[in-house]
């Protein structure tokens, strides 16, 4: 199982209605077929870290992750979500013992960046974004 966690904070100017739209969009992305389990809601970590919300999905394996990354619902959601974020950081973990798993996932991420340059620009535009868009 690959677990992907996103911690984020909205831009100050994001309205409550826009925040609700982002959370609903995240829930739609979390409900697509490759996702085994999910949760979307408040971040319960240290407030000093600056994150207010979190998104967590469990994905069975690399093949499911590939489907998840390119699912039309997931891709469409990024245009709604990413422009409204002031901070975004991710954590991945897995029970898979493959020592190269992290590198394999990063290669998949960078391949998606290359395939969708508009997505890369959205990631780069997040003031406190922590996702690489270059090797």
N, C-alpha and C. Protein backbone atom coordinates (compact mmCIF):
# COMPACT_ATOMS: atom_id res chain seq x y z
N UNK A 1 0.85 -1.18 0.00
CA UNK A 1 0.00 0.00 0.00
C UNK A 1 0.90 1.24 0.00
N UNK A 2 0.57 2.18 -0.85
CA UNK A 2 1.24 3.48 -0.89
C UNK A 2 0.26 4.49 -0.29
N UNK A 3 0.71 5.21 0.71
CA UNK A 3 -0.13 6.23 1.35
C UNK A 3 0.45 7.59 0.99
N UNK A 4 -0.39 8.44 0.45
CA UNK A 4 0.01 9.77 0.01
C UNK A 4 -0.76 10.79 0.85
N UNK A 5 -0.02 11.63 1.55
CA UNK A 5 -0.63 12.64 2.41
C UNK A 5 -0.21 14.02 1.91
N UNK A 6 -1.18 14.89 1.73
CA UNK A 6 -0.92 16.29 1.40
C UNK A 6 -1.38 17.15 2.58
N UNK A 7 -0.51 18.04 3.00
CA UNK A 7 -0.88 19.03 4.02
C UNK A 7 -0.87 20.38 3.31
N UNK A 8 -1.87 21.22 3.60
CA UNK A 8 -1.95 22.47 2.86
C UNK A 8 -2.61 23.57 3.68
N UNK A 9 -2.46 24.78 3.16
CA UNK A 9 -3.11 25.97 3.72
C UNK A 9 -3.62 26.79 2.54
N UNK A 10 -4.80 27.33 2.71
CA UNK A 10 -5.38 28.17 1.67
C UNK A 10 -4.74 29.56 1.67
N UNK A 11 -4.78 30.20 0.50
CA UNK A 11 -4.38 31.61 0.42
C UNK A 11 -5.37 32.43 1.26
N UNK A 12 -4.90 33.52 1.82
CA UNK A 12 -5.74 34.35 2.69
C UNK A 12 -7.01 34.83 1.99
N UNK A 13 -6.91 35.10 0.70
CA UNK A 13 -8.06 35.64 -0.03
C UNK A 13 -9.07 34.57 -0.47
N UNK A 14 -8.80 33.32 -0.19
CA UNK A 14 -9.72 32.24 -0.58
C UNK A 14 -10.98 32.31 0.30
N UNK A 15 -12.12 32.44 -0.34
CA UNK A 15 -13.38 32.57 0.40
C UNK A 15 -13.78 31.22 0.99
N UNK A 16 -14.73 31.24 1.91
CA UNK A 16 -15.24 30.00 2.49
C UNK A 16 -15.87 29.12 1.41
N UNK A 17 -16.58 29.74 0.46
CA UNK A 17 -17.19 28.97 -0.62
C UNK A 17 -16.11 28.30 -1.48
N UNK A 18 -15.03 29.01 -1.77
CA UNK A 18 -13.94 28.43 -2.55
C UNK A 18 -13.25 27.31 -1.77
N UNK A 19 -13.08 27.48 -0.47
CA UNK A 19 -12.50 26.43 0.35
C UNK A 19 -13.38 25.18 0.30
N UNK A 20 -14.67 25.37 0.42
CA UNK A 20 -15.61 24.24 0.35
C UNK A 20 -15.52 23.56 -1.01
N UNK A 21 -15.38 24.34 -2.08
CA UNK A 21 -15.24 23.77 -3.42
C UNK A 21 -13.96 22.93 -3.52
N UNK A 22 -12.86 23.44 -2.98
CA UNK A 22 -11.59 22.69 -2.99
C UNK A 22 -11.74 21.38 -2.23
N UNK A 23 -12.32 21.43 -1.05
CA UNK A 23 -12.48 20.21 -0.26
C UNK A 23 -13.38 19.20 -0.96
N UNK A 24 -14.45 19.68 -1.60
CA UNK A 24 -15.33 18.79 -2.35
C UNK A 24 -14.59 18.18 -3.55
N UNK A 25 -13.75 18.97 -4.20
CA UNK A 25 -12.97 18.49 -5.33
C UNK A 25 -11.97 17.44 -4.88
N UNK A 26 -11.34 17.67 -3.73
CA UNK A 26 -10.42 16.67 -3.18
C UNK A 26 -11.15 15.38 -2.85
N UNK A 27 -12.35 15.49 -2.31
CA UNK A 27 -13.12 14.28 -1.99
C UNK A 27 -13.50 13.51 -3.25
N UNK A 28 -13.79 14.23 -4.34
CA UNK A 28 -14.08 13.56 -5.62
C UNK A 28 -12.83 12.80 -6.09
N UNK A 29 -11.67 13.45 -6.03
CA UNK A 29 -10.43 12.80 -6.46
C UNK A 29 -10.13 11.58 -5.58
N UNK A 30 -10.46 11.68 -4.31
CA UNK A 30 -10.20 10.58 -3.38
C UNK A 30 -11.19 9.43 -3.55
N UNK A 31 -12.22 9.63 -4.35
CA UNK A 31 -13.23 8.57 -4.52
C UNK A 31 -13.06 7.78 -5.82
N UNK A 32 -12.03 8.10 -6.61
CA UNK A 32 -11.84 7.39 -7.87
C UNK A 32 -11.35 5.96 -7.62
N UNK A 33 -11.51 5.13 -8.62
CA UNK A 33 -11.26 3.69 -8.50
C UNK A 33 -9.90 3.30 -7.92
N UNK A 34 -8.78 3.91 -8.31
CA UNK A 34 -7.49 3.45 -7.78
C UNK A 34 -7.30 3.68 -6.27
N UNK A 35 -8.15 4.46 -5.65
CA UNK A 35 -7.99 4.80 -4.23
C UNK A 35 -8.67 3.74 -3.37
N UNK A 36 -7.91 3.17 -2.44
CA UNK A 36 -8.43 2.14 -1.53
C UNK A 36 -9.09 2.74 -0.30
N UNK A 37 -8.54 3.85 0.21
CA UNK A 37 -9.14 4.56 1.34
C UNK A 37 -8.69 6.00 1.29
N UNK A 38 -9.44 6.86 1.97
CA UNK A 38 -9.10 8.29 1.93
C UNK A 38 -9.72 9.03 3.11
N UNK A 39 -9.19 10.21 3.34
CA UNK A 39 -9.80 11.16 4.25
C UNK A 39 -9.37 12.56 3.83
N UNK A 40 -10.25 13.51 4.02
CA UNK A 40 -9.99 14.90 3.69
C UNK A 40 -10.55 15.74 4.84
N UNK A 41 -9.76 16.67 5.35
CA UNK A 41 -10.27 17.50 6.43
C UNK A 41 -9.21 18.34 7.09
N UNK A 42 -9.41 18.63 8.35
CA UNK A 42 -8.50 19.50 9.08
C UNK A 42 -7.17 18.81 9.35
N UNK A 43 -6.10 19.59 9.34
CA UNK A 43 -4.78 19.10 9.71
C UNK A 43 -4.66 19.24 11.22
N UNK A 44 -4.27 18.17 11.88
CA UNK A 44 -4.17 18.17 13.33
C UNK A 44 -2.73 18.28 13.82
N UNK A 45 -1.81 18.61 12.90
CA UNK A 45 -0.41 18.74 13.26
C UNK A 45 -0.14 20.05 13.99
N UNK A 46 1.12 20.33 14.21
CA UNK A 46 1.56 21.53 14.90
C UNK A 46 1.13 22.78 14.13
N UNK A 47 0.30 23.64 14.71
CA UNK A 47 -0.15 24.85 14.00
C UNK A 47 1.00 25.74 13.56
N UNK A 48 2.12 25.68 14.26
CA UNK A 48 3.28 26.50 13.90
C UNK A 48 3.85 26.11 12.53
N UNK A 49 3.54 24.89 12.08
CA UNK A 49 4.00 24.46 10.76
C UNK A 49 3.21 25.13 9.64
N UNK A 50 2.05 25.71 9.96
CA UNK A 50 1.32 26.50 8.99
C UNK A 50 0.33 25.77 8.10
N UNK A 51 0.02 24.53 8.40
CA UNK A 51 -0.94 23.79 7.59
C UNK A 51 -2.27 23.72 8.33
N UNK A 52 -3.35 23.89 7.58
CA UNK A 52 -4.68 23.88 8.19
C UNK A 52 -5.52 22.68 7.77
N UNK A 53 -5.19 22.08 6.62
CA UNK A 53 -5.99 21.00 6.06
C UNK A 53 -5.08 19.87 5.57
N UNK A 54 -5.68 18.70 5.37
CA UNK A 54 -4.92 17.55 4.88
C UNK A 54 -5.79 16.67 3.99
N UNK A 55 -5.11 15.94 3.14
CA UNK A 55 -5.71 15.00 2.18
C UNK A 55 -4.87 13.74 2.26
N UNK A 56 -5.50 12.60 2.42
CA UNK A 56 -4.77 11.34 2.53
C UNK A 56 -5.47 10.30 1.68
N UNK A 57 -4.69 9.60 0.84
CA UNK A 57 -5.22 8.50 0.06
C UNK A 57 -4.31 7.29 0.19
N UNK A 58 -4.91 6.12 0.21
CA UNK A 58 -4.18 4.86 0.16
C UNK A 58 -4.38 4.25 -1.21
N UNK A 59 -3.27 3.85 -1.83
CA UNK A 59 -3.30 3.32 -3.19
C UNK A 59 -2.54 1.99 -3.18
N UNK A 60 -3.13 0.96 -3.73
CA UNK A 60 -2.64 -0.41 -3.56
C UNK A 60 -1.20 -0.63 -4.02
N UNK A 61 -0.82 -0.09 -5.18
CA UNK A 61 0.50 -0.40 -5.73
C UNK A 61 0.85 0.61 -6.82
N UNK A 62 1.99 0.41 -7.46
CA UNK A 62 2.44 1.36 -8.49
C UNK A 62 1.50 1.42 -9.69
N UNK A 63 0.93 0.30 -10.08
CA UNK A 63 -0.01 0.31 -11.21
C UNK A 63 -1.24 1.15 -10.87
N UNK A 64 -1.75 1.02 -9.67
CA UNK A 64 -2.89 1.84 -9.24
C UNK A 64 -2.49 3.30 -9.13
N UNK A 65 -1.27 3.56 -8.67
CA UNK A 65 -0.79 4.95 -8.58
C UNK A 65 -0.72 5.59 -9.96
N UNK A 66 -0.26 4.84 -10.94
CA UNK A 66 -0.21 5.36 -12.31
C UNK A 66 -1.61 5.74 -12.79
N UNK A 67 -2.58 4.88 -12.54
CA UNK A 67 -3.97 5.19 -12.93
C UNK A 67 -4.47 6.41 -12.18
N UNK A 68 -4.19 6.50 -10.91
CA UNK A 68 -4.61 7.64 -10.08
C UNK A 68 -4.03 8.95 -10.61
N UNK A 69 -2.74 8.96 -10.91
CA UNK A 69 -2.08 10.19 -11.36
C UNK A 69 -2.68 10.74 -12.64
N UNK A 70 -3.20 9.86 -13.49
CA UNK A 70 -3.69 10.30 -14.80
C UNK A 70 -5.20 10.20 -14.95
N UNK A 71 -5.90 9.90 -13.88
CA UNK A 71 -7.36 9.83 -13.94
C UNK A 71 -7.93 11.21 -14.28
N UNK A 72 -8.88 11.29 -15.20
CA UNK A 72 -9.44 12.59 -15.60
C UNK A 72 -10.04 13.38 -14.42
N UNK A 73 -10.64 12.72 -13.46
CA UNK A 73 -11.21 13.42 -12.30
C UNK A 73 -10.09 14.06 -11.49
N UNK A 74 -9.02 13.32 -11.30
CA UNK A 74 -7.87 13.85 -10.55
C UNK A 74 -7.23 15.02 -11.30
N UNK A 75 -7.02 14.85 -12.61
CA UNK A 75 -6.40 15.91 -13.41
C UNK A 75 -7.25 17.18 -13.41
N UNK A 76 -8.55 17.05 -13.57
CA UNK A 76 -9.44 18.22 -13.60
C UNK A 76 -9.45 18.94 -12.26
N UNK A 77 -9.33 18.20 -11.19
CA UNK A 77 -9.37 18.81 -9.86
C UNK A 77 -8.21 19.74 -9.58
N UNK A 78 -7.05 19.45 -10.14
CA UNK A 78 -5.88 20.27 -9.85
C UNK A 78 -6.06 21.73 -10.24
N UNK A 79 -6.78 21.99 -11.32
CA UNK A 79 -7.02 23.37 -11.75
C UNK A 79 -7.90 24.14 -10.77
N UNK A 80 -8.72 23.43 -10.03
CA UNK A 80 -9.57 24.05 -9.01
C UNK A 80 -8.80 24.22 -7.70
N UNK A 81 -8.01 23.23 -7.36
CA UNK A 81 -7.35 23.18 -6.05
C UNK A 81 -6.10 24.04 -5.98
N UNK A 82 -5.14 23.79 -6.85
CA UNK A 82 -3.80 24.35 -6.70
C UNK A 82 -3.74 25.87 -6.70
N UNK A 83 -4.51 26.58 -7.53
CA UNK A 83 -4.41 28.04 -7.50
C UNK A 83 -4.88 28.68 -6.18
N UNK A 84 -5.55 27.93 -5.35
CA UNK A 84 -6.08 28.49 -4.10
C UNK A 84 -5.21 28.18 -2.88
N UNK A 85 -4.06 27.56 -3.11
CA UNK A 85 -3.21 27.14 -2.00
C UNK A 85 -2.03 28.08 -1.79
N UNK A 86 -1.77 28.38 -0.53
CA UNK A 86 -0.60 29.18 -0.16
C UNK A 86 0.56 28.28 0.24
N UNK A 87 0.25 27.08 0.73
CA UNK A 87 1.29 26.14 1.16
C UNK A 87 0.82 24.72 0.85
N UNK A 88 1.77 23.89 0.43
CA UNK A 88 1.47 22.50 0.10
C UNK A 88 2.72 21.67 0.34
N UNK A 89 2.58 20.61 1.11
CA UNK A 89 3.68 19.67 1.33
C UNK A 89 3.12 18.27 1.33
N UNK A 90 3.92 17.34 0.88
CA UNK A 90 3.47 15.96 0.80
C UNK A 90 4.36 15.02 1.58
N UNK A 91 3.74 13.93 2.00
CA UNK A 91 4.44 12.84 2.68
C UNK A 91 3.94 11.56 2.04
N UNK A 92 4.87 10.66 1.74
CA UNK A 92 4.48 9.35 1.22
C UNK A 92 5.06 8.28 2.13
N UNK A 93 4.31 7.23 2.33
CA UNK A 93 4.82 6.10 3.08
C UNK A 93 4.24 4.83 2.50
N UNK A 94 4.86 3.70 2.84
CA UNK A 94 4.41 2.44 2.27
C UNK A 94 4.84 1.26 3.13
N UNK A 95 4.06 0.20 3.03
CA UNK A 95 4.45 -1.05 3.66
C UNK A 95 5.19 -1.96 2.67
N UNK A 96 5.41 -1.48 1.45
CA UNK A 96 6.15 -2.22 0.43
C UNK A 96 7.65 -2.12 0.76
N UNK A 97 8.35 -3.24 0.89
CA UNK A 97 9.75 -3.20 1.28
C UNK A 97 10.73 -2.84 0.16
N UNK A 98 10.25 -2.62 -1.05
CA UNK A 98 11.13 -2.30 -2.18
C UNK A 98 11.96 -1.06 -1.87
N UNK A 99 13.29 -1.18 -1.79
CA UNK A 99 14.12 -0.02 -1.45
C UNK A 99 14.12 1.06 -2.54
N UNK A 100 13.68 0.72 -3.74
CA UNK A 100 13.64 1.68 -4.84
C UNK A 100 12.26 2.30 -5.04
N UNK A 101 11.32 1.99 -4.16
CA UNK A 101 9.95 2.46 -4.34
C UNK A 101 9.87 3.98 -4.41
N UNK A 102 10.55 4.65 -3.51
CA UNK A 102 10.53 6.12 -3.52
C UNK A 102 11.02 6.70 -4.83
N UNK A 103 12.10 6.13 -5.38
CA UNK A 103 12.62 6.59 -6.67
C UNK A 103 11.63 6.31 -7.80
N UNK A 104 10.99 5.17 -7.76
CA UNK A 104 9.99 4.82 -8.78
C UNK A 104 8.82 5.80 -8.75
N UNK A 105 8.38 6.15 -7.55
CA UNK A 105 7.28 7.10 -7.41
C UNK A 105 7.70 8.48 -7.91
N UNK A 106 8.94 8.90 -7.56
CA UNK A 106 9.41 10.20 -8.03
C UNK A 106 9.51 10.23 -9.55
N UNK A 107 9.95 9.15 -10.16
CA UNK A 107 10.00 9.11 -11.63
C UNK A 107 8.60 9.24 -12.22
N UNK A 108 7.61 8.61 -11.59
CA UNK A 108 6.23 8.74 -12.07
C UNK A 108 5.76 10.18 -11.94
N UNK A 109 6.09 10.81 -10.80
CA UNK A 109 5.71 12.21 -10.58
C UNK A 109 6.34 13.11 -11.66
N UNK A 110 7.64 12.93 -11.90
CA UNK A 110 8.33 13.77 -12.88
C UNK A 110 7.84 13.49 -14.30
N UNK A 111 7.43 12.26 -14.59
CA UNK A 111 6.85 11.96 -15.90
C UNK A 111 5.52 12.69 -16.06
N UNK A 112 4.75 12.77 -14.99
CA UNK A 112 3.49 13.52 -15.04
C UNK A 112 3.76 15.01 -15.25
N UNK A 113 4.77 15.53 -14.56
CA UNK A 113 5.16 16.93 -14.75
C UNK A 113 5.48 17.18 -16.23
N UNK A 114 6.24 16.27 -16.83
CA UNK A 114 6.61 16.43 -18.24
C UNK A 114 5.41 16.32 -19.16
N UNK A 115 4.47 15.46 -18.81
CA UNK A 115 3.29 15.25 -19.66
C UNK A 115 2.28 16.39 -19.55
N UNK A 116 2.27 17.06 -18.40
CA UNK A 116 1.28 18.11 -18.15
C UNK A 116 1.97 19.38 -17.68
N UNK A 117 2.56 20.15 -18.61
CA UNK A 117 3.29 21.35 -18.21
C UNK A 117 2.43 22.39 -17.48
N UNK A 118 1.14 22.46 -17.79
CA UNK A 118 0.27 23.39 -17.07
C UNK A 118 0.17 22.99 -15.59
N UNK A 119 0.16 21.70 -15.31
CA UNK A 119 0.14 21.21 -13.94
C UNK A 119 1.42 21.61 -13.22
N UNK A 120 2.55 21.48 -13.91
CA UNK A 120 3.83 21.89 -13.32
C UNK A 120 3.82 23.37 -12.97
N UNK A 121 3.25 24.18 -13.85
CA UNK A 121 3.18 25.63 -13.57
C UNK A 121 2.29 25.92 -12.36
N UNK A 122 1.20 25.18 -12.22
CA UNK A 122 0.33 25.35 -11.05
C UNK A 122 1.08 24.99 -9.77
N UNK A 123 1.84 23.92 -9.80
CA UNK A 123 2.64 23.53 -8.63
C UNK A 123 3.68 24.59 -8.31
N UNK A 124 4.39 25.05 -9.34
CA UNK A 124 5.43 26.06 -9.13
C UNK A 124 4.88 27.38 -8.59
N UNK A 125 3.61 27.66 -8.86
CA UNK A 125 3.01 28.94 -8.44
C UNK A 125 2.58 28.95 -6.98
N UNK A 126 2.59 27.82 -6.30
CA UNK A 126 2.21 27.77 -4.89
C UNK A 126 3.34 28.40 -4.09
N UNK A 127 3.06 29.49 -3.37
CA UNK A 127 4.14 30.23 -2.68
C UNK A 127 5.02 29.35 -1.79
N UNK A 128 4.41 28.44 -1.06
CA UNK A 128 5.18 27.55 -0.19
C UNK A 128 4.98 26.10 -0.64
N UNK A 129 5.20 25.87 -1.91
CA UNK A 129 5.04 24.52 -2.46
C UNK A 129 6.30 23.70 -2.26
N UNK A 130 6.12 22.42 -2.05
CA UNK A 130 7.25 21.55 -1.80
C UNK A 130 7.25 20.33 -2.73
N UNK A 131 6.87 20.53 -3.97
CA UNK A 131 6.85 19.44 -4.93
C UNK A 131 7.78 19.76 -6.08
N UNK A 132 8.74 18.89 -6.36
CA UNK A 132 9.69 19.16 -7.45
C UNK A 132 9.01 19.09 -8.81
N UNK A 133 9.42 19.99 -9.68
CA UNK A 133 8.91 19.95 -11.05
C UNK A 133 10.07 19.78 -12.04
N UNK A 134 11.24 19.52 -11.49
CA UNK A 134 12.44 19.25 -12.30
C UNK A 134 13.24 18.13 -11.62
N UNK A 135 13.94 17.36 -12.45
CA UNK A 135 14.79 16.29 -11.91
C UNK A 135 16.01 16.87 -11.22
